[in-house]
Amino acid sequence: MGKFDDDAFPPGSTKERPKRPNGDGSHLSSLEFPVVWLNDAEVNLDSRAIVKGLIEPGGFGLIYGPSGSGKSFFTADIAQCVATGQPWRGRKTERKLVVYVAAEAGASILRRFVAWRQERLGESSGNVPLAIITRGPNLLIPAQMEMLCLQLKEL
């Protein structure tokens, strides 16, 4: 398969990322989400799944459901298994740093994490690379989002 002809793209589209002025003469991308064209796509076969068959490095996931349906329990269980390298529901995990942002539960989520640690790890827990942030940012306030991003980079 060769290069695309210009008529292969819909009218008004381009293979290049659109640009918008930055105020100083330079240009910023107007697309905040990365786009990879099929011809440019590459796969890193050396990367290992974080949770086999479920979470890939750089992946994005979403857990949602009605209040009281077990979302926090489910998410905390995955987080703790990844942080300790323990299998999660029979799936291999890659031990990684995990940061759990308790945006709704606040510090009360610590009861769940402490109970899990005591039940699954006992006295020999050692240093587990799992940080729990007990207050989430207001997603509508850019300064709070920036602060969270800075804190995540530090962790």
N, C-alpha and C. Protein backbone atom coordinates (compact mmCIF):
# COMPACT_ATOMS: atom_id res chain seq x y z
N MET A 1 0.83 -1.17 0.00
CA MET A 1 0.00 0.00 0.00
C MET A 1 0.88 1.23 0.00
N GLY A 2 0.63 2.17 -0.88
CA GLY A 2 1.45 3.35 -0.98
C GLY A 2 0.88 4.51 -0.18
N LYS A 3 1.43 5.69 -0.45
CA LYS A 3 0.95 6.91 0.21
C LYS A 3 -0.46 7.22 -0.25
N PHE A 4 -1.20 7.92 0.61
CA PHE A 4 -2.55 8.32 0.27
C PHE A 4 -2.54 9.43 -0.75
N ASP A 5 -3.51 9.40 -1.64
CA ASP A 5 -3.74 10.53 -2.52
C ASP A 5 -4.49 11.57 -1.70
N ASP A 6 -4.40 12.83 -2.13
CA ASP A 6 -5.11 13.88 -1.40
C ASP A 6 -6.60 13.63 -1.35
N ASP A 7 -7.16 12.96 -2.36
CA ASP A 7 -8.61 12.75 -2.37
C ASP A 7 -9.04 11.59 -1.46
N ALA A 8 -8.08 10.91 -0.78
CA ALA A 8 -8.43 9.82 0.13
C ALA A 8 -8.96 10.35 1.46
N PHE A 9 -8.67 11.62 1.76
CA PHE A 9 -9.14 12.22 3.00
C PHE A 9 -10.39 13.03 2.71
N PRO A 10 -11.33 13.08 3.65
CA PRO A 10 -12.54 13.88 3.45
C PRO A 10 -12.19 15.34 3.22
N PRO A 11 -13.05 16.06 2.49
CA PRO A 11 -12.80 17.49 2.26
C PRO A 11 -12.61 18.22 3.59
N GLY A 12 -11.62 19.07 3.65
CA GLY A 12 -11.36 19.85 4.86
C GLY A 12 -10.47 19.14 5.86
N SER A 13 -10.20 17.84 5.67
CA SER A 13 -9.33 17.14 6.62
C SER A 13 -7.90 17.18 6.10
N THR A 14 -6.99 16.86 6.98
CA THR A 14 -5.58 16.88 6.62
C THR A 14 -4.86 15.79 7.40
N LYS A 15 -3.77 15.32 6.86
CA LYS A 15 -2.96 14.34 7.58
C LYS A 15 -2.12 15.04 8.65
N GLU A 16 -1.96 16.32 8.53
CA GLU A 16 -1.19 17.09 9.50
C GLU A 16 -2.08 17.52 10.65
N ARG A 17 -1.47 17.68 11.83
CA ARG A 17 -2.23 18.16 12.98
C ARG A 17 -2.57 19.63 12.77
N PRO A 18 -3.81 20.01 12.99
CA PRO A 18 -4.18 21.43 12.87
C PRO A 18 -3.38 22.27 13.87
N LYS A 19 -3.13 23.50 13.52
CA LYS A 19 -2.37 24.41 14.38
C LYS A 19 -3.25 25.59 14.76
N ARG A 20 -2.97 26.17 15.92
CA ARG A 20 -3.65 27.39 16.32
C ARG A 20 -2.59 28.35 16.84
N PRO A 21 -2.80 29.64 16.68
CA PRO A 21 -1.79 30.60 17.13
C PRO A 21 -1.61 30.54 18.64
N ASN A 22 -0.37 30.77 19.08
CA ASN A 22 -0.03 30.75 20.49
C ASN A 22 0.09 32.15 21.06
N GLY A 23 -0.13 33.16 20.26
CA GLY A 23 -0.02 34.53 20.75
C GLY A 23 1.37 35.12 20.54
N ASP A 24 2.40 34.29 20.49
CA ASP A 24 3.76 34.79 20.31
C ASP A 24 4.30 34.47 18.91
N GLY A 25 3.39 34.14 18.01
CA GLY A 25 3.79 33.81 16.65
C GLY A 25 3.97 32.33 16.42
N SER A 26 4.21 31.57 17.48
CA SER A 26 4.33 30.12 17.33
C SER A 26 2.94 29.52 17.27
N HIS A 27 2.87 28.23 17.06
CA HIS A 27 1.58 27.56 16.95
C HIS A 27 1.52 26.36 17.90
N LEU A 28 0.34 26.18 18.48
CA LEU A 28 0.06 25.01 19.30
C LEU A 28 -0.87 24.10 18.53
N SER A 29 -0.83 22.84 18.83
CA SER A 29 -1.78 21.91 18.22
C SER A 29 -3.15 22.19 18.78
N SER A 30 -4.17 22.20 17.93
CA SER A 30 -5.53 22.39 18.43
C SER A 30 -6.12 21.07 18.87
N LEU A 31 -5.41 19.98 18.62
CA LEU A 31 -5.86 18.67 19.10
C LEU A 31 -5.12 18.34 20.38
N GLU A 32 -5.84 18.18 21.45
CA GLU A 32 -5.21 17.88 22.73
C GLU A 32 -5.00 16.38 22.90
N PHE A 33 -5.63 15.56 22.06
CA PHE A 33 -5.50 14.12 22.17
C PHE A 33 -4.69 13.62 21.00
N PRO A 34 -3.72 12.73 21.26
CA PRO A 34 -2.85 12.25 20.18
C PRO A 34 -3.64 11.50 19.10
N VAL A 35 -3.23 11.71 17.87
CA VAL A 35 -3.83 11.03 16.73
C VAL A 35 -2.70 10.28 16.02
N VAL A 36 -2.92 9.01 15.74
CA VAL A 36 -1.94 8.22 14.99
C VAL A 36 -2.65 7.69 13.76
N TRP A 37 -2.13 8.03 12.59
CA TRP A 37 -2.70 7.53 11.35
C TRP A 37 -2.26 6.08 11.17
N LEU A 38 -3.10 5.28 10.58
CA LEU A 38 -2.85 3.85 10.43
C LEU A 38 -1.48 3.57 9.82
N ASN A 39 -1.11 4.30 8.78
CA ASN A 39 0.19 4.06 8.13
C ASN A 39 1.37 4.37 9.04
N ASP A 40 1.16 5.21 10.04
CA ASP A 40 2.23 5.59 10.96
C ASP A 40 2.23 4.76 12.23
N ALA A 41 1.22 3.92 12.44
CA ALA A 41 1.06 3.18 13.69
C ALA A 41 2.13 2.11 13.84
N GLU A 42 2.66 1.99 15.05
CA GLU A 42 3.62 0.96 15.39
C GLU A 42 3.22 0.36 16.73
N VAL A 43 3.56 -0.90 16.94
CA VAL A 43 3.23 -1.59 18.17
C VAL A 43 4.52 -2.01 18.85
N ASN A 44 4.62 -1.72 20.15
CA ASN A 44 5.77 -2.14 20.93
C ASN A 44 5.45 -3.51 21.53
N LEU A 45 5.95 -4.56 20.94
CA LEU A 45 5.66 -5.91 21.39
C LEU A 45 6.45 -6.29 22.65
N ASP A 46 7.39 -5.42 23.05
CA ASP A 46 8.18 -5.69 24.24
C ASP A 46 7.49 -5.23 25.53
N SER A 47 6.43 -4.42 25.40
CA SER A 47 5.77 -3.92 26.60
C SER A 47 4.90 -5.02 27.21
N ARG A 48 4.82 -5.02 28.53
CA ARG A 48 4.04 -6.01 29.25
C ARG A 48 2.78 -5.37 29.80
N ALA A 49 1.70 -6.10 29.78
CA ALA A 49 0.44 -5.60 30.31
C ALA A 49 0.57 -5.35 31.80
N ILE A 50 -0.13 -4.32 32.29
CA ILE A 50 -0.16 -4.05 33.71
C ILE A 50 -1.06 -5.07 34.40
N VAL A 51 -2.23 -5.32 33.81
CA VAL A 51 -3.10 -6.44 34.21
C VAL A 51 -3.41 -7.18 32.92
N LYS A 52 -2.90 -8.40 32.80
CA LYS A 52 -2.99 -9.16 31.56
C LYS A 52 -4.43 -9.21 31.03
N GLY A 53 -4.57 -8.81 29.77
CA GLY A 53 -5.86 -8.84 29.10
C GLY A 53 -6.81 -7.74 29.51
N LEU A 54 -6.33 -6.79 30.35
CA LEU A 54 -7.25 -5.76 30.84
C LEU A 54 -6.67 -4.36 30.77
N ILE A 55 -5.45 -4.17 31.29
CA ILE A 55 -4.86 -2.83 31.33
C ILE A 55 -3.48 -2.89 30.68
N GLU A 56 -3.31 -2.14 29.61
CA GLU A 56 -2.04 -2.06 28.91
C GLU A 56 -1.30 -0.79 29.32
N PRO A 57 0.04 -0.77 29.22
CA PRO A 57 0.78 0.46 29.53
C PRO A 57 0.27 1.61 28.67
N GLY A 58 0.04 2.74 29.29
CA GLY A 58 -0.45 3.90 28.56
C GLY A 58 -1.93 3.83 28.23
N GLY A 59 -2.58 2.78 28.68
CA GLY A 59 -4.00 2.61 28.39
C GLY A 59 -4.88 3.51 29.23
N PHE A 60 -6.13 3.53 28.90
CA PHE A 60 -7.11 4.34 29.60
C PHE A 60 -8.31 3.47 29.89
N GLY A 61 -8.80 3.56 31.08
CA GLY A 61 -9.98 2.78 31.46
C GLY A 61 -10.96 3.63 32.22
N LEU A 62 -12.17 3.17 32.30
CA LEU A 62 -13.21 3.89 33.01
C LEU A 62 -14.08 2.88 33.74
N ILE A 63 -14.31 3.12 35.00
CA ILE A 63 -15.18 2.27 35.80
C ILE A 63 -16.34 3.14 36.25
N TYR A 64 -17.54 2.76 35.89
CA TYR A 64 -18.70 3.57 36.27
C TYR A 64 -19.86 2.66 36.64
N GLY A 65 -20.78 3.22 37.37
CA GLY A 65 -21.96 2.48 37.79
C GLY A 65 -22.69 3.26 38.85
N PRO A 66 -23.84 2.75 39.25
CA PRO A 66 -24.63 3.47 40.26
C PRO A 66 -23.94 3.48 41.62
N SER A 67 -24.33 4.41 42.43
CA SER A 67 -23.81 4.52 43.79
C SER A 67 -24.03 3.21 44.53
N GLY A 68 -23.00 2.77 45.26
CA GLY A 68 -23.11 1.55 46.05
C GLY A 68 -22.95 0.27 45.27
N SER A 69 -22.51 0.35 44.03
CA SER A 69 -22.39 -0.86 43.20
C SER A 69 -21.03 -1.56 43.31
N GLY A 70 -20.12 -1.00 44.10
CA GLY A 70 -18.83 -1.66 44.31
C GLY A 70 -17.68 -1.12 43.47
N LYS A 71 -17.85 0.05 42.86
CA LYS A 71 -16.79 0.62 42.02
C LYS A 71 -15.50 0.84 42.80
N SER A 72 -15.60 1.43 43.97
CA SER A 72 -14.41 1.72 44.77
C SER A 72 -13.74 0.43 45.22
N PHE A 73 -14.51 -0.54 45.62
CA PHE A 73 -13.95 -1.83 46.04
C PHE A 73 -13.21 -2.48 44.88
N PHE A 74 -13.85 -2.51 43.72
CA PHE A 74 -13.28 -3.10 42.50
C PHE A 74 -11.97 -2.41 42.14
N THR A 75 -11.99 -1.07 42.12
CA THR A 75 -10.83 -0.29 41.73
C THR A 75 -9.69 -0.43 42.74
N ALA A 76 -10.03 -0.38 44.03
CA ALA A 76 -9.00 -0.53 45.06
C ALA A 76 -8.35 -1.91 44.98
N ASP A 77 -9.13 -2.92 44.69
CA ASP A 77 -8.59 -4.28 44.59
C ASP A 77 -7.59 -4.38 43.44
N ILE A 78 -7.93 -3.82 42.28
CA ILE A 78 -6.99 -3.81 41.15
C ILE A 78 -5.74 -3.02 41.53
N ALA A 79 -5.92 -1.84 42.11
CA ALA A 79 -4.79 -0.97 42.48
C ALA A 79 -3.83 -1.70 43.41
N GLN A 80 -4.36 -2.36 44.41
CA GLN A 80 -3.51 -3.03 45.40
C GLN A 80 -2.80 -4.23 44.79
N CYS A 81 -3.46 -4.95 43.90
CA CYS A 81 -2.80 -6.09 43.25
C CYS A 81 -1.69 -5.62 42.33
N VAL A 82 -1.90 -4.53 41.60
CA VAL A 82 -0.84 -4.01 40.73
C VAL A 82 0.33 -3.51 41.57
N ALA A 83 0.05 -2.79 42.64
CA ALA A 83 1.12 -2.24 43.48
C ALA A 83 1.95 -3.33 44.14
N THR A 84 1.35 -4.48 44.40
CA THR A 84 2.09 -5.57 45.05
C THR A 84 2.57 -6.64 44.07
N GLY A 85 2.07 -6.57 42.82
CA GLY A 85 2.44 -7.57 41.83
C GLY A 85 1.69 -8.88 42.00
N GLN A 86 0.66 -8.88 42.82
CA GLN A 86 -0.14 -10.09 43.01
C GLN A 86 -1.12 -10.26 41.86
N PRO A 87 -1.46 -11.48 41.50
CA PRO A 87 -2.47 -11.69 40.45
C PRO A 87 -3.81 -11.07 40.86
N TRP A 88 -4.52 -10.55 39.89
CA TRP A 88 -5.84 -10.00 40.13
C TRP A 88 -6.86 -10.89 39.42
N ARG A 89 -7.68 -11.58 40.19
CA ARG A 89 -8.71 -12.48 39.67
C ARG A 89 -8.13 -13.44 38.62
N GLY A 90 -6.98 -14.00 38.92
CA GLY A 90 -6.35 -14.98 38.04
C GLY A 90 -5.54 -14.38 36.90
N ARG A 91 -5.47 -13.08 36.81
CA ARG A 91 -4.70 -12.41 35.75
C ARG A 91 -3.37 -11.93 36.30
N LYS A 92 -2.30 -12.16 35.57
CA LYS A 92 -0.99 -11.69 35.98
C LYS A 92 -0.99 -10.17 36.00
N THR A 93 -0.21 -9.62 36.94
CA THR A 93 -0.04 -8.17 36.99
C THR A 93 1.44 -7.83 36.95
N GLU A 94 1.74 -6.66 36.48
CA GLU A 94 3.10 -6.12 36.48
C GLU A 94 3.17 -5.13 37.63
N ARG A 95 4.05 -5.35 38.58
CA ARG A 95 4.15 -4.48 39.75
C ARG A 95 4.56 -3.08 39.31
N LYS A 96 3.73 -2.12 39.66
CA LYS A 96 3.94 -0.72 39.26
C LYS A 96 3.52 0.20 40.39
N LEU A 97 3.98 1.43 40.31
CA LEU A 97 3.50 2.49 41.19
C LEU A 97 2.03 2.75 40.87
N VAL A 98 1.22 2.84 41.89
CA VAL A 98 -0.20 3.15 41.73
C VAL A 98 -0.52 4.36 42.59
N VAL A 99 -1.25 5.30 42.02
CA VAL A 99 -1.75 6.43 42.79
C VAL A 99 -3.27 6.39 42.69
N TYR A 100 -3.91 6.26 43.84
CA TYR A 100 -5.36 6.18 43.92
C TYR A 100 -5.86 7.54 44.42
N VAL A 101 -6.66 8.20 43.60
CA VAL A 101 -7.22 9.49 43.99
C VAL A 101 -8.64 9.24 44.49
N ALA A 102 -8.83 9.40 45.79
CA ALA A 102 -10.14 9.17 46.41
C ALA A 102 -10.96 10.45 46.29
N ALA A 103 -11.44 10.70 45.09
CA ALA A 103 -12.13 11.96 44.80
C ALA A 103 -13.45 12.10 45.56
N GLU A 104 -14.11 11.00 45.84
CA GLU A 104 -15.40 11.08 46.53
C GLU A 104 -15.31 10.61 47.97
N ALA A 105 -14.61 9.53 48.22
CA ALA A 105 -14.61 8.91 49.55
C ALA A 105 -13.74 9.66 50.55
N GLY A 106 -12.74 10.39 50.06
CA GLY A 106 -11.83 11.07 50.96
C GLY A 106 -11.05 10.08 51.82
N ALA A 107 -10.71 10.50 53.03
CA ALA A 107 -9.89 9.68 53.92
C ALA A 107 -10.59 8.40 54.36
N SER A 108 -11.91 8.33 54.23
CA SER A 108 -12.62 7.11 54.64
C SER A 108 -12.20 5.90 53.80
N ILE A 109 -11.63 6.13 52.63
CA ILE A 109 -11.19 5.02 51.77
C ILE A 109 -10.03 4.26 52.42
N LEU A 110 -9.32 4.92 53.32
CA LEU A 110 -8.17 4.28 53.97
C LEU A 110 -8.57 3.02 54.72
N ARG A 111 -9.79 2.96 55.26
CA ARG A 111 -10.25 1.75 55.95
C ARG A 111 -10.19 0.55 55.02
N ARG A 112 -10.63 0.74 53.78
CA ARG A 112 -10.63 -0.35 52.81
C ARG A 112 -9.21 -0.80 52.48
N PHE A 113 -8.31 0.16 52.28
CA PHE A 113 -6.93 -0.18 51.93
C PHE A 113 -6.21 -0.86 53.10
N VAL A 114 -6.43 -0.37 54.31
CA VAL A 114 -5.79 -0.96 55.48
C VAL A 114 -6.31 -2.38 55.70
N ALA A 115 -7.61 -2.58 55.56
CA ALA A 115 -8.18 -3.94 55.72
C ALA A 115 -7.61 -4.89 54.68
N TRP A 116 -7.48 -4.45 53.44
CA TRP A 116 -6.91 -5.28 52.38
C TRP A 116 -5.47 -5.63 52.72
N ARG A 117 -4.71 -4.63 53.13
CA ARG A 117 -3.30 -4.86 53.47
C ARG A 117 -3.18 -5.88 54.60
N GLN A 118 -3.98 -5.74 55.65
CA GLN A 118 -3.91 -6.67 56.77
C GLN A 118 -4.33 -8.08 56.36
N GLU A 119 -5.36 -8.19 55.54
CA GLU A 119 -5.87 -9.50 55.13
C GLU A 119 -4.93 -10.19 54.14
N ARG A 120 -4.41 -9.45 53.17
CA ARG A 120 -3.63 -10.06 52.09
C ARG A 120 -2.13 -10.08 52.34
N LEU A 121 -1.62 -9.09 53.10
CA LEU A 121 -0.18 -8.98 53.26
C LEU A 121 0.30 -9.25 54.68
N GLY A 122 -0.55 -9.03 55.66
CA GLY A 122 -0.18 -9.25 57.05
C GLY A 122 0.95 -8.34 57.49
N GLU A 123 1.79 -8.88 58.34
CA GLU A 123 2.90 -8.10 58.92
C GLU A 123 4.03 -7.85 57.94
N SER A 124 4.10 -8.64 56.88
CA SER A 124 5.24 -8.57 55.96
C SER A 124 4.96 -7.72 54.73
N SER A 125 4.22 -6.64 54.89
CA SER A 125 3.84 -5.85 53.72
C SER A 125 5.01 -5.11 53.09
N GLY A 126 6.03 -4.74 53.88
CA GLY A 126 7.16 -4.01 53.32
C GLY A 126 6.72 -2.70 52.69
N ASN A 127 7.50 -2.21 51.75
CA ASN A 127 7.16 -0.97 51.06
C ASN A 127 6.33 -1.29 49.82
N VAL A 128 5.10 -0.87 49.83
CA VAL A 128 4.21 -1.09 48.69
C VAL A 128 4.09 0.22 47.93
N PRO A 129 4.39 0.23 46.62
CA PRO A 129 4.33 1.48 45.84
C PRO A 129 2.90 1.89 45.50
N LEU A 130 2.14 2.23 46.56
CA LEU A 130 0.75 2.65 46.38
C LEU A 130 0.53 3.89 47.23
N ALA A 131 0.20 4.99 46.58
CA ALA A 131 -0.09 6.25 47.27
C ALA A 131 -1.57 6.53 47.16
N ILE A 132 -2.16 7.01 48.24
CA ILE A 132 -3.59 7.32 48.25
C ILE A 132 -3.73 8.81 48.50
N ILE A 133 -4.30 9.50 47.55
CA ILE A 133 -4.58 10.93 47.70
C ILE A 133 -6.01 11.01 48.21
N THR A 134 -6.17 11.58 49.39
CA THR A 134 -7.47 11.51 50.07
C THR A 134 -8.41 12.68 49.77
N ARG A 135 -8.08 13.49 48.80
CA ARG A 135 -9.01 14.53 48.35
C ARG A 135 -8.75 14.75 46.87
N GLY A 136 -9.80 14.66 46.09
CA GLY A 136 -9.66 14.86 44.66
C GLY A 136 -9.81 16.32 44.28
N PRO A 137 -9.32 16.67 43.10
CA PRO A 137 -9.46 18.05 42.65
C PRO A 137 -10.86 18.32 42.11
N ASN A 138 -11.22 19.57 42.09
CA ASN A 138 -12.42 19.99 41.38
C ASN A 138 -12.01 20.06 39.91
N LEU A 139 -12.57 19.20 39.09
CA LEU A 139 -12.17 19.11 37.69
C LEU A 139 -12.50 20.36 36.88
N LEU A 140 -13.30 21.25 37.44
CA LEU A 140 -13.67 22.49 36.76
C LEU A 140 -12.73 23.65 37.10
N ILE A 141 -11.78 23.41 37.98
CA ILE A 141 -10.82 24.45 38.38
C ILE A 141 -9.44 24.07 37.85
N PRO A 142 -9.01 24.72 36.77
CA PRO A 142 -7.72 24.36 36.16
C PRO A 142 -6.55 24.36 37.13
N ALA A 143 -6.50 25.27 38.07
CA ALA A 143 -5.38 25.34 39.01
C ALA A 143 -5.31 24.06 39.86
N GLN A 144 -6.46 23.52 40.23
CA GLN A 144 -6.46 22.29 41.01
C GLN A 144 -5.99 21.11 40.16
N MET A 145 -6.37 21.08 38.90
CA MET A 145 -5.91 20.01 38.01
C MET A 145 -4.40 20.11 37.79
N GLU A 146 -3.90 21.33 37.62
CA GLU A 146 -2.46 21.52 37.46
C GLU A 146 -1.71 21.07 38.70
N MET A 147 -2.25 21.39 39.88
CA MET A 147 -1.61 20.99 41.13
C MET A 147 -1.58 19.47 41.24
N LEU A 148 -2.68 18.81 40.90
CA LEU A 148 -2.70 17.35 40.94
C LEU A 148 -1.66 16.77 39.99
N CYS A 149 -1.57 17.30 38.78
CA CYS A 149 -0.59 16.80 37.82
C CYS A 149 0.84 16.97 38.34
N LEU A 150 1.13 18.11 38.95
CA LEU A 150 2.47 18.33 39.53
C LEU A 150 2.74 17.33 40.65
N GLN A 151 1.75 17.11 41.49
CA GLN A 151 1.93 16.15 42.59
C GLN A 151 2.13 14.74 42.06
N LEU A 152 1.39 14.37 41.02
CA LEU A 152 1.56 13.04 40.43
C LEU A 152 2.97 12.86 39.85
N LYS A 153 3.48 13.91 39.21
CA LYS A 153 4.84 13.84 38.66
C LYS A 153 5.86 13.64 39.77
N GLU A 154 5.65 14.31 40.92
CA GLU A 154 6.57 14.16 42.05
C GLU A 154 6.55 12.75 42.61
N LEU A 155 5.35 12.18 42.67
CA LEU A 155 5.23 10.81 43.20
C LEU A 155 5.92 9.83 42.27
